[in-house]
Amino acid sequence: MGKATVRENSNVGPVMRMTPEVRTEMFAHALRALPSEACGMFSTGAATSRVDYFHAMQNAADSAVLFVLDPQEMLDLERDVERSGRSLVGVMHSHTNTSPYPSPTDVRDSARFDPFGTFLHVIVSLRDAEPVLRCFQIAG
């Protein structure tokens, strides 16, 4: 397997646009999950590329340093999102005590739920008083 690449979305390449409500929901979900990491997926409608829906999920690992999307919950979500005419475009998880950058474990484990590297990855950091998020693409 080749080396994975992590690219932060910036002014070079695709930028994720989300509604303020989605951002607020991600922050709230991350805070509610403490002391564990939170996780979820987000989607867009057929007529827009703007992320306008956050799908909160359970962290199957129930860990402060690791997140695991439950395979059955993810399959159910994929089915429901597809039926509603929406598309899943990414995954979110929180870091409880570190910066909002992918850890080596995040990079390694991303292939479990994003084997083709097509999802955007949002990391919400709860290290500081105010939550911070960053968006990345992980490929390879």
Protein backbone atom coordinates (compact mmCIF):
# COMPACT_ATOMS: atom_id res chain seq x y z
CA MET A 1 0.00 0.00 0.00
CA GLY A 2 1.33 3.47 -0.89
CA LYS A 3 1.80 6.32 1.50
CA ALA A 4 -1.36 8.23 2.40
CA THR A 5 -1.56 11.92 1.69
CA VAL A 6 -3.39 14.44 3.80
CA ARG A 7 -4.40 17.70 2.21
CA GLU A 8 -6.03 20.48 4.16
CA ASN A 9 -8.77 22.23 2.27
CA SER A 10 -7.65 25.76 1.63
CA ASN A 11 -7.55 28.20 -1.22
CA VAL A 12 -5.73 25.55 -3.27
CA GLY A 13 -8.28 22.96 -4.24
CA PRO A 14 -11.81 22.19 -3.11
CA VAL A 15 -13.19 24.05 -0.13
CA MET A 16 -15.97 22.65 1.99
CA ARG A 17 -18.84 25.05 2.50
CA MET A 18 -21.27 24.34 5.32
CA THR A 19 -24.19 26.09 6.89
CA PRO A 20 -23.66 27.75 10.28
CA GLU A 21 -26.24 25.30 11.69
CA VAL A 22 -24.13 22.30 10.65
CA ARG A 23 -21.06 23.83 12.27
CA THR A 24 -23.02 24.47 15.48
CA GLU A 25 -24.39 20.90 15.45
CA MET A 26 -20.89 19.43 15.02
CA PHE A 27 -19.56 21.46 17.94
CA ALA A 28 -22.53 20.54 20.16
CA HIS A 29 -22.23 16.83 19.32
CA ALA A 30 -18.50 16.90 20.09
CA LEU A 31 -19.12 18.56 23.46
CA ARG A 32 -21.94 16.15 24.38
CA ALA A 33 -19.71 13.14 23.70
CA LEU A 34 -17.00 14.19 26.16
CA PRO A 35 -14.91 12.59 27.54
CA SER A 36 -15.04 10.41 24.39
CA GLU A 37 -14.39 11.48 20.82
CA ALA A 38 -17.53 12.19 18.84
CA CYS A 39 -18.19 11.16 15.26
CA GLY A 40 -20.74 11.59 12.51
CA MET A 41 -21.23 12.08 8.81
CA PHE A 42 -22.47 15.01 6.79
CA SER A 43 -24.38 15.28 3.55
CA THR A 44 -25.52 17.56 0.78
CA GLY A 45 -28.70 17.78 -1.21
CA ALA A 46 -28.83 16.96 -4.92
CA ALA A 47 -28.94 20.59 -6.02
CA THR A 48 -26.05 21.92 -3.93
CA SER A 49 -22.50 21.19 -2.88
CA ARG A 50 -23.00 23.03 0.40
CA VAL A 51 -23.04 20.78 3.46
CA ASP A 52 -26.43 21.38 4.98
CA TYR A 53 -27.01 18.32 7.15
CA PHE A 54 -25.03 16.69 9.96
CA HIS A 55 -25.76 13.09 10.94
CA ALA A 56 -24.57 12.52 14.51
CA MET A 57 -23.39 8.96 15.15
CA GLN A 58 -22.22 6.92 18.12
CA ASN A 59 -18.51 6.32 18.59
CA ALA A 60 -18.42 2.51 18.75
CA ALA A 61 -14.99 2.70 20.41
CA ASP A 62 -16.31 4.91 23.25
CA SER A 63 -12.78 6.27 23.58
CA ALA A 64 -11.14 9.64 24.24
CA VAL A 65 -8.39 8.92 21.69
CA LEU A 66 -10.09 6.87 18.97
CA PHE A 67 -13.33 6.89 16.99
CA VAL A 68 -14.95 3.98 15.22
CA LEU A 69 -18.04 4.28 13.06
CA ASP A 70 -20.39 1.39 13.75
CA PRO A 71 -20.68 -0.55 10.46
CA GLN A 72 -24.41 -1.23 10.80
CA GLU A 73 -25.20 2.36 11.76
CA MET A 74 -23.19 3.54 8.75
CA LEU A 75 -25.01 1.15 6.37
CA ASP A 76 -28.37 2.30 7.73
CA LEU A 77 -27.35 5.94 7.34
CA GLU A 78 -26.10 5.40 3.78
CA ARG A 79 -29.42 3.78 2.86
CA ASP A 80 -31.51 6.55 4.48
CA VAL A 81 -29.44 9.34 2.92
CA GLU A 82 -29.65 7.76 -0.53
CA ARG A 83 -33.43 7.29 -0.21
CA SER A 84 -33.80 10.97 0.63
CA GLY A 85 -31.92 11.99 -2.53
CA ARG A 86 -28.92 13.26 -0.60
CA SER A 87 -25.24 12.31 -0.76
CA LEU A 88 -22.82 11.59 2.05
CA VAL A 89 -19.74 13.71 1.43
CA GLY A 90 -17.72 13.35 4.59
CA VAL A 91 -17.03 12.28 8.11
CA MET A 92 -16.50 14.29 11.27
CA HIS A 93 -14.80 13.36 14.50
CA SER A 94 -13.47 15.25 17.46
CA HIS A 95 -10.13 15.40 19.20
CA THR A 96 -10.66 15.87 22.91
CA ASN A 97 -7.22 17.21 23.83
CA THR A 98 -5.25 17.71 20.61
CA SER A 99 -5.21 20.01 17.61
CA PRO A 100 -7.61 19.59 14.67
CA TYR A 101 -5.18 17.69 12.43
CA PRO A 102 -5.36 14.00 11.43
CA SER A 103 -3.36 11.72 13.69
CA PRO A 104 -1.46 8.78 12.19
CA THR A 105 -4.31 6.58 13.47
CA ASP A 106 -6.89 8.80 11.73
CA VAL A 107 -4.99 8.50 8.46
CA ARG A 108 -4.55 4.73 8.77
CA ASP A 109 -8.15 4.06 9.79
CA SER A 110 -9.77 6.31 7.17
CA ALA A 111 -9.59 3.51 4.60
CA ARG A 112 -12.17 1.52 6.62
CA PHE A 113 -15.00 3.92 5.78
CA ASP A 114 -13.46 5.90 2.91
CA PRO A 115 -11.53 3.37 0.78
CA PHE A 116 -11.38 5.64 -2.28
CA GLY A 117 -10.40 8.82 -0.44
CA THR A 118 -13.47 10.72 -1.63
CA PHE A 119 -14.82 11.97 1.71
CA LEU A 120 -13.98 15.25 3.33
CA HIS A 121 -12.73 14.76 6.89
CA VAL A 122 -13.68 17.35 9.48
CA ILE A 123 -11.87 17.32 12.80
CA VAL A 124 -13.27 19.33 15.69
CA SER A 125 -10.69 20.12 18.36
CA LEU A 126 -11.88 20.61 21.92
CA ARG A 127 -8.40 21.36 23.24
CA ASP A 128 -9.10 25.04 23.80
CA ALA A 129 -12.04 26.88 25.36
CA GLU A 130 -13.65 27.43 21.95
CA PRO A 131 -14.01 24.44 19.59
CA VAL A 132 -12.09 24.70 16.31
CA LEU A 133 -12.62 22.71 13.13
CA ARG A 134 -10.49 21.96 10.14
CA CYS A 135 -11.25 20.03 6.95
CA PHE A 136 -8.97 17.60 5.13
CA GLN A 137 -8.91 15.08 2.34
CA ILE A 138 -7.09 11.81 3.06
CA ALA A 139 -6.13 9.72 0.06
CA GLY A 140 -4.03 6.62 -0.50
